[in-house]
Amino acid sequence: MTPEEMADLAHLRRARDLIDRDYAEPLDVPAMARTALMSPAHFSRKFRAAYGETPYSYLMTRRIERAKALLRQGTSVSDTCVAVGCTSLGSFSSRFTEIVGFTPSQYRARDHRDLEVVPSCVSKVATRPRRTTVSV
């Protein structure tokens, strides 16, 4: 790996850390790219190559991951939507359903007691949203 590639990875990690930390804030690709010291288009290409998904997709995965935790605690769907940084309840519900396979209300109503005995480090990995392709 060249020194330039190593520097790019360090910048990409800085942007990923920003997403992980500030997922509930209004973030867009240009803001993430500024953190990585790259142009938005270059940043998007490099991020996808390094992490296997676009920056926006990664941000939404973080938001849905946090939303699942809030819904398991009994937080209302609308409060969860706002808490994770989404501005549209409809868009949040659609994206949640697309990624998780249940509507937020259905997910909230499910029995989550089986996760109470699992250590949080394992639970985090086991409940991480995974994108699946839907065949039409």
C-alpha atoms as a PDB file:
ATOM      1  CA  MET A   1       0.000   0.000   0.000  1.00  0.00           C
ATOM      2  CA  THR A   2       1.393   3.384  -0.979  1.00  0.00           C
ATOM      3  CA  PRO A   3       1.751   6.297   1.447  1.00  0.00           C
ATOM      4  CA  GLU A   4      -1.014   8.130  -0.445  1.00  0.00           C
ATOM      5  CA  GLU A   5      -3.378   5.185  -0.016  1.00  0.00           C
ATOM      6  CA  MET A   6      -2.534   5.013   3.685  1.00  0.00           C
ATOM      7  CA  ALA A   7      -3.275   8.743   4.023  1.00  0.00           C
ATOM      8  CA  ASP A   8      -6.604   8.299   2.186  1.00  0.00           C
ATOM      9  CA  LEU A   9      -7.595   5.499   4.556  1.00  0.00           C
ATOM     10  CA  ALA A  10      -6.771   7.665   7.570  1.00  0.00           C
ATOM     11  CA  HIS A  11      -8.970  10.451   6.152  1.00  0.00           C
ATOM     12  CA  LEU A  12     -11.763   7.979   5.403  1.00  0.00           C
ATOM     13  CA  ARG A  13     -11.602   6.659   8.974  1.00  0.00           C
ATOM     14  CA  ARG A  14     -11.940  10.220  10.238  1.00  0.00           C
ATOM     15  CA  ALA A  15     -15.111  10.641   8.173  1.00  0.00           C
ATOM     16  CA  ARG A  16     -16.476   7.254   9.314  1.00  0.00           C
ATOM     17  CA  ASP A  17     -15.804   8.245  12.932  1.00  0.00           C
ATOM     18  CA  LEU A  18     -17.744  11.471  12.300  1.00  0.00           C
ATOM     19  CA  ILE A  19     -20.709   9.429  11.042  1.00  0.00           C
ATOM     20  CA  ASP A  20     -20.519   7.026  13.989  1.00  0.00           C
ATOM     21  CA  ARG A  21     -20.359   9.887  16.488  1.00  0.00           C
ATOM     22  CA  ASP A  22     -22.735  12.434  14.916  1.00  0.00           C
ATOM     23  CA  TYR A  23     -25.247  10.153  13.138  1.00  0.00           C
ATOM     24  CA  ALA A  24     -28.169  12.122  14.641  1.00  0.00           C
ATOM     25  CA  GLU A  25     -26.888  15.439  13.287  1.00  0.00           C
ATOM     26  CA  PRO A  26     -27.738  16.731   9.818  1.00  0.00           C
ATOM     27  CA  LEU A  27     -24.909  15.153   7.799  1.00  0.00           C
ATOM     28  CA  ASP A  28     -24.556  15.164   4.059  1.00  0.00           C
ATOM     29  CA  VAL A  29     -21.872  13.858   1.732  1.00  0.00           C
ATOM     30  CA  PRO A  30     -20.192  17.262   1.252  1.00  0.00           C
ATOM     31  CA  ALA A  31     -19.817  17.647   5.041  1.00  0.00           C
ATOM     32  CA  MET A  32     -18.409  14.132   5.335  1.00  0.00           C
ATOM     33  CA  ALA A  33     -16.061  14.789   2.410  1.00  0.00           C
ATOM     34  CA  ARG A  34     -14.750  17.952   4.079  1.00  0.00           C
ATOM     35  CA  THR A  35     -13.840  15.876   7.124  1.00  0.00           C
ATOM     36  CA  ALA A  36     -11.927  13.491   4.850  1.00  0.00           C
ATOM     37  CA  LEU A  37     -10.278  16.411   3.023  1.00  0.00           C
ATOM     38  CA  MET A  38     -11.650  15.202  -0.323  1.00  0.00           C
ATOM     39  CA  SER A  39     -14.105  16.359  -2.946  1.00  0.00           C
ATOM     40  CA  PRO A  40     -17.575  14.829  -2.515  1.00  0.00           C
ATOM     41  CA  ALA A  41     -17.345  12.652  -5.637  1.00  0.00           C
ATOM     42  CA  HIS A  42     -13.836  11.418  -4.843  1.00  0.00           C
ATOM     43  CA  PHE A  43     -14.824  10.792  -1.226  1.00  0.00           C
ATOM     44  CA  SER A  44     -17.885   8.768  -2.235  1.00  0.00           C
ATOM     45  CA  ARG A  45     -15.843   6.576  -4.585  1.00  0.00           C
ATOM     46  CA  LYS A  46     -13.066   6.006  -2.046  1.00  0.00           C
ATOM     47  CA  PHE A  47     -15.497   5.362   0.825  1.00  0.00           C
ATOM     48  CA  ARG A  48     -17.422   2.789  -1.181  1.00  0.00           C
ATOM     49  CA  ALA A  49     -14.219   1.070  -2.266  1.00  0.00           C
ATOM     50  CA  ALA A  50     -12.940   0.938   1.317  1.00  0.00           C
ATOM     51  CA  TYR A  51     -16.135   0.028   3.203  1.00  0.00           C
ATOM     52  CA  GLY A  52     -18.382  -1.624   0.621  1.00  0.00           C
ATOM     53  CA  GLU A  53     -21.214   0.894   0.819  1.00  0.00           C
ATOM     54  CA  THR A  54     -21.798   4.546   0.078  1.00  0.00           C
ATOM     55  CA  PRO A  55     -21.320   7.145   2.817  1.00  0.00           C
ATOM     56  CA  TYR A  56     -25.051   7.881   2.920  1.00  0.00           C
ATOM     57  CA  SER A  57     -25.882   4.181   3.135  1.00  0.00           C
ATOM     58  CA  TYR A  58     -23.415   3.816   6.023  1.00  0.00           C
ATOM     59  CA  LEU A  59     -25.027   6.812   7.776  1.00  0.00           C
ATOM     60  CA  MET A  60     -28.507   5.332   7.367  1.00  0.00           C
ATOM     61  CA  THR A  61     -27.282   1.960   8.666  1.00  0.00           C
ATOM     62  CA  ARG A  62     -25.982   3.713  11.800  1.00  0.00           C
ATOM     63  CA  ARG A  63     -29.296   5.533  12.227  1.00  0.00           C
ATOM     64  CA  ILE A  64     -31.343   2.359  11.804  1.00  0.00           C
ATOM     65  CA  GLU A  65     -29.040   0.496  14.188  1.00  0.00           C
ATOM     66  CA  ARG A  66     -29.646   3.144  16.859  1.00  0.00           C
ATOM     67  CA  ALA A  67     -33.369   3.251  16.041  1.00  0.00           C
ATOM     68  CA  LYS A  68     -33.635  -0.487  16.677  1.00  0.00           C
ATOM     69  CA  ALA A  69     -32.113  -0.019  20.132  1.00  0.00           C
ATOM     70  CA  LEU A  70     -34.513   2.819  20.966  1.00  0.00           C
ATOM     71  CA  LEU A  71     -37.536   0.872  19.724  1.00  0.00           C
ATOM     72  CA  ARG A  72     -36.511  -2.156  21.806  1.00  0.00           C
ATOM     73  CA  GLN A  73     -36.589   0.168  24.839  1.00  0.00           C
ATOM     74  CA  GLY A  74     -40.167   1.178  23.998  1.00  0.00           C
ATOM     75  CA  THR A  75     -39.520   4.638  22.549  1.00  0.00           C
ATOM     76  CA  SER A  76     -42.299   5.765  20.204  1.00  0.00           C
ATOM     77  CA  VAL A  77     -41.665   5.587  16.469  1.00  0.00           C
ATOM     78  CA  SER A  78     -41.933   9.355  15.998  1.00  0.00           C
ATOM     79  CA  ASP A  79     -39.584  10.096  18.910  1.00  0.00           C
ATOM     80  CA  THR A  80     -37.149   7.510  17.570  1.00  0.00           C
ATOM     81  CA  CYS A  81     -37.270   9.073  14.116  1.00  0.00           C
ATOM     82  CA  VAL A  82     -36.295  12.480  15.499  1.00  0.00           C
ATOM     83  CA  ALA A  83     -33.712  11.052  17.933  1.00  0.00           C
ATOM     84  CA  VAL A  84     -31.728   9.372  15.160  1.00  0.00           C
ATOM     85  CA  GLY A  85     -31.655  12.460  12.954  1.00  0.00           C
ATOM     86  CA  CYS A  86     -34.348  11.687  10.397  1.00  0.00           C
ATOM     87  CA  THR A  87     -36.630  14.550   9.445  1.00  0.00           C
ATOM     88  CA  SER A  88     -39.385  12.619   7.664  1.00  0.00           C
ATOM     89  CA  LEU A  89     -41.331   9.907   9.473  1.00  0.00           C
ATOM     90  CA  GLY A  90     -42.413   8.397   6.155  1.00  0.00           C
ATOM     91  CA  SER A  91     -38.871   8.174   4.801  1.00  0.00           C
ATOM     92  CA  PHE A  92     -37.620   6.802   8.106  1.00  0.00           C
ATOM     93  CA  SER A  93     -40.323   4.124   8.177  1.00  0.00           C
ATOM     94  CA  SER A  94     -39.680   3.155   4.560  1.00  0.00           C
ATOM     95  CA  ARG A  95     -35.930   2.870   5.055  1.00  0.00           C
ATOM     96  CA  PHE A  96     -36.352   1.006   8.345  1.00  0.00           C
ATOM     97  CA  THR A  97     -38.710  -1.500   6.720  1.00  0.00           C
ATOM     98  CA  GLU A  98     -36.380  -1.911   3.742  1.00  0.00           C
ATOM     99  CA  ILE A  99     -33.373  -2.682   5.943  1.00  0.00           C
ATOM    100  CA  VAL A 100     -34.937  -4.541   8.886  1.00  0.00           C
ATOM    101  CA  GLY A 101     -37.831  -6.317   7.183  1.00  0.00           C
ATOM    102  CA  PHE A 102     -40.435  -5.040   9.665  1.00  0.00           C
ATOM    103  CA  THR A 103     -42.074  -1.664  10.062  1.00  0.00           C
ATOM    104  CA  PRO A 104     -40.824   0.312  13.077  1.00  0.00           C
ATOM    105  CA  SER A 105     -44.127  -0.339  14.864  1.00  0.00           C
ATOM    106  CA  GLN A 106     -43.923  -4.075  14.202  1.00  0.00           C
ATOM    107  CA  TYR A 107     -40.315  -4.151  15.394  1.00  0.00           C
ATOM    108  CA  ARG A 108     -41.197  -2.201  18.548  1.00  0.00           C
ATOM    109  CA  ALA A 109     -44.085  -4.592  19.329  1.00  0.00           C
ATOM    110  CA  ARG A 110     -41.922  -7.713  19.058  1.00  0.00           C
ATOM    111  CA  ASP A 111     -40.653  -9.537  22.139  1.00  0.00           C
ATOM    112  CA  HIS A 112     -37.005  -8.519  22.649  1.00  0.00           C
ATOM    113  CA  ARG A 113     -36.435 -10.268  25.981  1.00  0.00           C
ATOM    114  CA  ASP A 114     -34.091 -12.776  24.339  1.00  0.00           C
ATOM    115  CA  LEU A 115     -31.574  -9.955  23.810  1.00  0.00           C
ATOM    116  CA  GLU A 116     -31.577  -8.971  27.496  1.00  0.00           C
ATOM    117  CA  VAL A 117     -29.274 -11.851  28.458  1.00  0.00           C
ATOM    118  CA  VAL A 118     -26.856 -11.281  25.597  1.00  0.00           C
ATOM    119  CA  PRO A 119     -23.795  -9.088  26.310  1.00  0.00           C
ATOM    120  CA  SER A 120     -24.089  -5.727  24.570  1.00  0.00           C
ATOM    121  CA  CYS A 121     -20.965  -6.303  22.472  1.00  0.00           C
ATOM    122  CA  VAL A 122     -22.531  -9.461  21.009  1.00  0.00           C
ATOM    123  CA  SER A 123     -25.980  -7.920  20.726  1.00  0.00           C
ATOM    124  CA  LYS A 124     -24.558  -5.008  18.746  1.00  0.00           C
ATOM    125  CA  VAL A 125     -23.104  -7.359  16.146  1.00  0.00           C
ATOM    126  CA  ALA A 126     -26.130  -9.652  16.065  1.00  0.00           C
ATOM    127  CA  THR A 127     -28.668  -6.847  15.626  1.00  0.00           C
ATOM    128  CA  ARG A 128     -26.677  -4.739  13.144  1.00  0.00           C
ATOM    129  CA  PRO A 129     -28.892  -4.000  10.151  1.00  0.00           C
ATOM    130  CA  ARG A 130     -27.856  -5.868   7.033  1.00  0.00           C
ATOM    131  CA  ARG A 131     -28.923  -4.734   3.631  1.00  0.00           C
ATOM    132  CA  THR A 132     -30.364  -7.428   1.455  1.00  0.00           C
ATOM    133  CA  THR A 133     -31.255  -7.202  -2.191  1.00  0.00           C
ATOM    134  CA  VAL A 134     -34.908  -7.667  -2.963  1.00  0.00           C
ATOM    135  CA  SER A 135     -35.715  -9.441  -6.208  1.00  0.00           C
ATOM    136  CA  VAL A 136     -38.751  -8.187  -8.079  1.00  0.00           C
END
